[in-house]
Amino acid sequence: MDTAHNSEPTRAEIDSLQGPALIEFGAAWCGYCRAARPLIASALSGASPVRHIRIEDGKGRRLGRSFGVKLWPTLIFLKDGKEMARLVRPENSDLIRRALENICKDA
């Protein structure tokens, strides 16, 4: 499931997610984010079902700050609401795929 959020979910909502989830922080105008989108899509295409939530991040956005996001894109890999891995500006889909495999184990 791929969900884009213009209205930011709360940290409590993210922390209460069940199962594997990928939170993607970025901005529509960000060149690094646009370059990473095909890599993320490729990695997700071969993965077990994972909730993918894209968050439009920026000044005044609290959710990104609560995760300590400083660069885009930042990918947060969650399992049952707990951070299991993080990738910042991933350069290949293999790194993303490996992180996805780890959060999908025993799911």
N, C-alpha and C. Protein backbone atom coordinates (compact mmCIF):
# COMPACT_ATOMS: atom_id res chain seq x y z
N MET A 1 0.85 -1.18 0.00
CA MET A 1 0.00 0.00 0.00
C MET A 1 0.89 1.23 0.00
N ASP A 2 0.66 2.11 -0.94
CA ASP A 2 1.44 3.34 -1.07
C ASP A 2 0.52 4.51 -0.77
N THR A 3 0.88 5.29 0.23
CA THR A 3 0.05 6.41 0.63
C THR A 3 0.89 7.67 0.67
N ALA A 4 0.44 8.72 0.00
CA ALA A 4 1.12 10.01 0.08
C ALA A 4 0.32 10.88 1.05
N HIS A 5 1.03 11.53 1.95
CA HIS A 5 0.37 12.36 2.95
C HIS A 5 0.78 13.81 2.79
N ASN A 6 -0.19 14.66 2.51
CA ASN A 6 0.06 16.09 2.58
C ASN A 6 -0.25 16.56 3.99
N SER A 7 -1.26 15.96 4.62
CA SER A 7 -1.52 16.25 6.02
C SER A 7 -0.75 15.19 6.81
N GLU A 8 0.07 15.66 7.66
CA GLU A 8 1.01 14.82 8.37
C GLU A 8 0.33 13.95 9.43
N PRO A 9 0.58 12.62 9.39
CA PRO A 9 0.07 11.80 10.50
C PRO A 9 0.81 12.16 11.78
N THR A 10 0.24 11.83 12.89
CA THR A 10 0.90 12.12 14.16
C THR A 10 1.95 11.05 14.45
N ARG A 11 2.87 11.38 15.34
CA ARG A 11 3.87 10.39 15.75
C ARG A 11 3.19 9.20 16.42
N ALA A 12 2.13 9.46 17.18
CA ALA A 12 1.40 8.37 17.85
C ALA A 12 0.80 7.42 16.81
N GLU A 13 0.28 7.96 15.70
CA GLU A 13 -0.27 7.11 14.64
C GLU A 13 0.82 6.25 14.02
N ILE A 14 1.98 6.83 13.78
CA ILE A 14 3.09 6.07 13.22
C ILE A 14 3.56 5.01 14.21
N ASP A 15 3.71 5.39 15.47
CA ASP A 15 4.18 4.45 16.49
C ASP A 15 3.22 3.30 16.70
N SER A 16 1.94 3.47 16.36
CA SER A 16 0.96 2.41 16.58
C SER A 16 0.74 1.53 15.35
N LEU A 17 1.49 1.78 14.27
CA LEU A 17 1.35 0.94 13.07
C LEU A 17 1.70 -0.50 13.40
N GLN A 18 0.94 -1.41 12.84
CA GLN A 18 1.21 -2.83 13.01
C GLN A 18 1.84 -3.39 11.73
N GLY A 19 2.79 -4.31 11.89
CA GLY A 19 3.44 -4.93 10.74
C GLY A 19 4.54 -4.05 10.17
N PRO A 20 5.06 -4.45 8.99
CA PRO A 20 6.15 -3.70 8.37
C PRO A 20 5.64 -2.45 7.67
N ALA A 21 6.41 -1.37 7.79
CA ALA A 21 6.06 -0.11 7.14
C ALA A 21 7.33 0.63 6.74
N LEU A 22 7.23 1.34 5.64
CA LEU A 22 8.31 2.20 5.16
C LEU A 22 7.78 3.62 5.15
N ILE A 23 8.44 4.49 5.92
CA ILE A 23 8.08 5.90 5.93
C ILE A 23 9.14 6.63 5.11
N GLU A 24 8.71 7.33 4.08
CA GLU A 24 9.61 8.06 3.18
C GLU A 24 9.41 9.56 3.40
N PHE A 25 10.42 10.21 3.95
CA PHE A 25 10.39 11.66 4.14
C PHE A 25 11.09 12.32 2.97
N GLY A 26 10.45 13.33 2.39
CA GLY A 26 11.06 14.03 1.28
C GLY A 26 10.23 15.23 0.88
N ALA A 27 10.52 15.75 -0.30
CA ALA A 27 9.80 16.90 -0.84
C ALA A 27 9.64 16.70 -2.34
N ALA A 28 8.50 17.12 -2.87
CA ALA A 28 8.20 16.91 -4.29
C ALA A 28 9.24 17.56 -5.20
N TRP A 29 9.82 18.68 -4.79
CA TRP A 29 10.77 19.42 -5.62
C TRP A 29 12.21 18.94 -5.45
N CYS A 30 12.45 18.03 -4.52
CA CYS A 30 13.81 17.56 -4.19
C CYS A 30 14.35 16.62 -5.27
N GLY A 31 15.47 16.98 -5.86
CA GLY A 31 16.09 16.15 -6.88
C GLY A 31 16.53 14.79 -6.37
N TYR A 32 17.06 14.74 -5.16
CA TYR A 32 17.47 13.47 -4.56
C TYR A 32 16.25 12.56 -4.36
N CYS A 33 15.13 13.16 -3.97
CA CYS A 33 13.89 12.40 -3.75
C CYS A 33 13.38 11.83 -5.07
N ARG A 34 13.38 12.65 -6.11
CA ARG A 34 12.92 12.19 -7.42
C ARG A 34 13.82 11.07 -7.94
N ALA A 35 15.12 11.18 -7.71
CA ALA A 35 16.06 10.14 -8.16
C ALA A 35 15.86 8.84 -7.40
N ALA A 36 15.45 8.93 -6.14
CA ALA A 36 15.28 7.73 -5.32
C ALA A 36 13.96 7.01 -5.57
N ARG A 37 12.97 7.70 -6.09
CA ARG A 37 11.64 7.09 -6.27
C ARG A 37 11.67 5.79 -7.07
N PRO A 38 12.38 5.74 -8.24
CA PRO A 38 12.41 4.46 -8.97
C PRO A 38 13.13 3.36 -8.19
N LEU A 39 14.14 3.72 -7.40
CA LEU A 39 14.85 2.73 -6.59
C LEU A 39 13.91 2.15 -5.53
N ILE A 40 13.14 3.02 -4.90
CA ILE A 40 12.19 2.59 -3.87
C ILE A 40 11.12 1.71 -4.50
N ALA A 41 10.59 2.13 -5.64
CA ALA A 41 9.55 1.36 -6.33
C ALA A 41 10.08 -0.02 -6.72
N SER A 42 11.30 -0.08 -7.21
CA SER A 42 11.90 -1.35 -7.60
C SER A 42 12.04 -2.28 -6.39
N ALA A 43 12.52 -1.75 -5.30
CA ALA A 43 12.70 -2.56 -4.08
C ALA A 43 11.36 -3.04 -3.55
N LEU A 44 10.36 -2.18 -3.58
CA LEU A 44 9.03 -2.56 -3.08
C LEU A 44 8.35 -3.59 -3.97
N SER A 45 8.66 -3.59 -5.26
CA SER A 45 7.99 -4.49 -6.19
C SER A 45 8.28 -5.95 -5.88
N GLY A 46 9.44 -6.24 -5.32
CA GLY A 46 9.78 -7.62 -5.01
C GLY A 46 9.60 -7.97 -3.55
N ALA A 47 9.10 -7.04 -2.76
CA ALA A 47 8.99 -7.26 -1.31
C ALA A 47 7.61 -7.80 -0.94
N SER A 48 7.55 -8.39 0.22
CA SER A 48 6.26 -8.76 0.80
C SER A 48 5.46 -7.47 0.96
N PRO A 49 4.15 -7.59 1.12
CA PRO A 49 3.36 -6.37 1.29
C PRO A 49 3.86 -5.51 2.46
N VAL A 50 4.16 -4.27 2.14
CA VAL A 50 4.68 -3.31 3.12
C VAL A 50 3.87 -2.04 2.98
N ARG A 51 3.45 -1.47 4.08
CA ARG A 51 2.78 -0.16 4.04
C ARG A 51 3.85 0.88 3.74
N HIS A 52 3.66 1.62 2.64
CA HIS A 52 4.62 2.66 2.23
C HIS A 52 3.92 3.99 2.37
N ILE A 53 4.45 4.83 3.24
CA ILE A 53 3.84 6.14 3.50
C ILE A 53 4.85 7.22 3.15
N ARG A 54 4.48 8.04 2.17
CA ARG A 54 5.35 9.17 1.79
C ARG A 54 4.88 10.41 2.55
N ILE A 55 5.82 11.05 3.20
CA ILE A 55 5.53 12.25 3.98
C ILE A 55 6.22 13.45 3.32
N GLU A 56 5.44 14.44 2.95
CA GLU A 56 5.98 15.70 2.44
C GLU A 56 6.57 16.43 3.64
N ASP A 57 7.89 16.54 3.67
CA ASP A 57 8.57 17.10 4.83
C ASP A 57 8.99 18.53 4.52
N GLY A 58 9.32 19.26 5.55
CA GLY A 58 9.80 20.62 5.37
C GLY A 58 9.73 21.40 6.66
N LYS A 59 10.02 22.67 6.55
CA LYS A 59 10.04 23.55 7.71
C LYS A 59 8.68 23.53 8.41
N GLY A 60 8.73 23.39 9.72
CA GLY A 60 7.50 23.39 10.51
C GLY A 60 6.79 22.05 10.56
N ARG A 61 7.35 21.02 9.93
CA ARG A 61 6.74 19.70 9.95
C ARG A 61 7.31 18.92 11.12
N ARG A 62 6.48 18.62 12.07
CA ARG A 62 6.95 18.01 13.32
C ARG A 62 7.34 16.55 13.21
N LEU A 63 6.66 15.79 12.35
CA LEU A 63 6.94 14.36 12.29
C LEU A 63 8.39 14.10 11.86
N GLY A 64 8.84 14.79 10.83
CA GLY A 64 10.22 14.62 10.40
C GLY A 64 11.21 14.99 11.49
N ARG A 65 10.91 16.05 12.22
CA ARG A 65 11.80 16.45 13.31
C ARG A 65 11.81 15.40 14.42
N SER A 66 10.66 14.78 14.68
CA SER A 66 10.61 13.77 15.75
C SER A 66 11.46 12.56 15.40
N PHE A 67 11.69 12.33 14.11
CA PHE A 67 12.56 11.23 13.67
C PHE A 67 13.99 11.71 13.41
N GLY A 68 14.25 12.99 13.62
CA GLY A 68 15.60 13.52 13.40
C GLY A 68 16.00 13.59 11.94
N VAL A 69 15.02 13.77 11.05
CA VAL A 69 15.30 13.86 9.62
C VAL A 69 16.01 15.17 9.32
N LYS A 70 17.16 15.07 8.63
CA LYS A 70 17.94 16.26 8.27
C LYS A 70 18.14 16.36 6.77
N LEU A 71 18.17 15.22 6.07
CA LEU A 71 18.37 15.20 4.62
C LEU A 71 17.24 14.39 3.98
N TRP A 72 16.95 14.73 2.73
CA TRP A 72 15.92 13.99 1.99
C TRP A 72 16.54 13.24 0.85
N PRO A 73 15.97 12.15 0.43
CA PRO A 73 14.97 11.43 1.17
C PRO A 73 15.58 10.67 2.33
N THR A 74 14.82 10.54 3.38
CA THR A 74 15.17 9.66 4.49
C THR A 74 14.10 8.59 4.56
N LEU A 75 14.54 7.34 4.53
CA LEU A 75 13.64 6.20 4.60
C LEU A 75 13.75 5.58 5.99
N ILE A 76 12.61 5.47 6.66
CA ILE A 76 12.55 4.86 7.99
C ILE A 76 11.81 3.55 7.84
N PHE A 77 12.45 2.46 8.21
CA PHE A 77 11.86 1.13 8.12
C PHE A 77 11.37 0.73 9.51
N LEU A 78 10.06 0.50 9.61
CA LEU A 78 9.43 0.20 10.89
C LEU A 78 8.88 -1.21 10.91
N LYS A 79 8.88 -1.80 12.08
CA LYS A 79 8.17 -3.05 12.31
C LYS A 79 7.38 -2.86 13.59
N ASP A 80 6.07 -2.95 13.48
CA ASP A 80 5.17 -2.73 14.62
C ASP A 80 5.45 -1.39 15.31
N GLY A 81 5.68 -0.36 14.50
CA GLY A 81 5.86 0.99 15.00
C GLY A 81 7.24 1.32 15.55
N LYS A 82 8.17 0.37 15.50
CA LYS A 82 9.52 0.60 16.01
C LYS A 82 10.50 0.69 14.84
N GLU A 83 11.38 1.68 14.91
CA GLU A 83 12.38 1.85 13.86
C GLU A 83 13.38 0.70 13.90
N MET A 84 13.53 0.04 12.73
CA MET A 84 14.45 -1.08 12.61
C MET A 84 15.67 -0.72 11.76
N ALA A 85 15.49 0.24 10.85
CA ALA A 85 16.58 0.65 9.96
C ALA A 85 16.26 2.03 9.40
N ARG A 86 17.29 2.66 8.85
CA ARG A 86 17.15 3.99 8.26
C ARG A 86 18.15 4.10 7.13
N LEU A 87 17.70 4.67 6.02
CA LEU A 87 18.58 4.96 4.89
C LEU A 87 18.38 6.43 4.52
N VAL A 88 19.48 7.12 4.31
CA VAL A 88 19.43 8.52 3.90
C VAL A 88 20.05 8.61 2.51
N ARG A 89 19.29 9.17 1.58
CA ARG A 89 19.71 9.31 0.19
C ARG A 89 20.25 8.00 -0.38
N PRO A 90 19.42 6.96 -0.38
CA PRO A 90 19.88 5.66 -0.90
C PRO A 90 20.27 5.77 -2.37
N GLU A 91 21.34 5.07 -2.74
CA GLU A 91 21.84 5.16 -4.10
C GLU A 91 21.57 3.91 -4.93
N ASN A 92 21.04 2.85 -4.28
CA ASN A 92 20.68 1.67 -5.06
C ASN A 92 19.53 0.92 -4.37
N SER A 93 18.82 0.15 -5.17
CA SER A 93 17.64 -0.53 -4.64
C SER A 93 18.00 -1.72 -3.77
N ASP A 94 19.23 -2.26 -3.89
CA ASP A 94 19.62 -3.41 -3.07
C ASP A 94 19.63 -3.07 -1.58
N LEU A 95 20.13 -1.87 -1.24
CA LEU A 95 20.13 -1.46 0.17
C LEU A 95 18.70 -1.37 0.70
N ILE A 96 17.82 -0.82 -0.11
CA ILE A 96 16.42 -0.68 0.29
C ILE A 96 15.78 -2.06 0.41
N ARG A 97 16.05 -2.93 -0.55
CA ARG A 97 15.50 -4.28 -0.55
C ARG A 97 15.94 -5.05 0.71
N ARG A 98 17.21 -4.95 1.08
CA ARG A 98 17.70 -5.66 2.28
C ARG A 98 17.00 -5.16 3.54
N ALA A 99 16.81 -3.84 3.65
CA ALA A 99 16.12 -3.29 4.81
C ALA A 99 14.66 -3.76 4.83
N LEU A 100 14.03 -3.83 3.66
CA LEU A 100 12.65 -4.32 3.58
C LEU A 100 12.57 -5.78 4.00
N GLU A 101 13.53 -6.59 3.55
CA GLU A 101 13.54 -8.01 3.93
C GLU A 101 13.62 -8.17 5.44
N ASN A 102 14.43 -7.32 6.09
CA ASN A 102 14.57 -7.43 7.54
C ASN A 102 13.28 -7.10 8.28
N ILE A 103 12.53 -6.10 7.82
CA ILE A 103 11.29 -5.76 8.53
C ILE A 103 10.14 -6.70 8.19
N CYS A 104 10.31 -7.47 7.08
CA CYS A 104 9.26 -8.41 6.68
C CYS A 104 9.44 -9.80 7.28
N LYS A 105 10.57 -10.05 7.89
CA LYS A 105 10.79 -11.36 8.52
C LYS A 105 9.73 -11.60 9.58
N ASP A 106 9.19 -12.79 9.55
CA ASP A 106 8.18 -13.20 10.55
C ASP A 106 6.95 -12.31 10.57
N ALA A 107 6.70 -11.60 9.48
CA ALA A 107 5.52 -10.71 9.45
C ALA A 107 4.28 -11.45 9.02
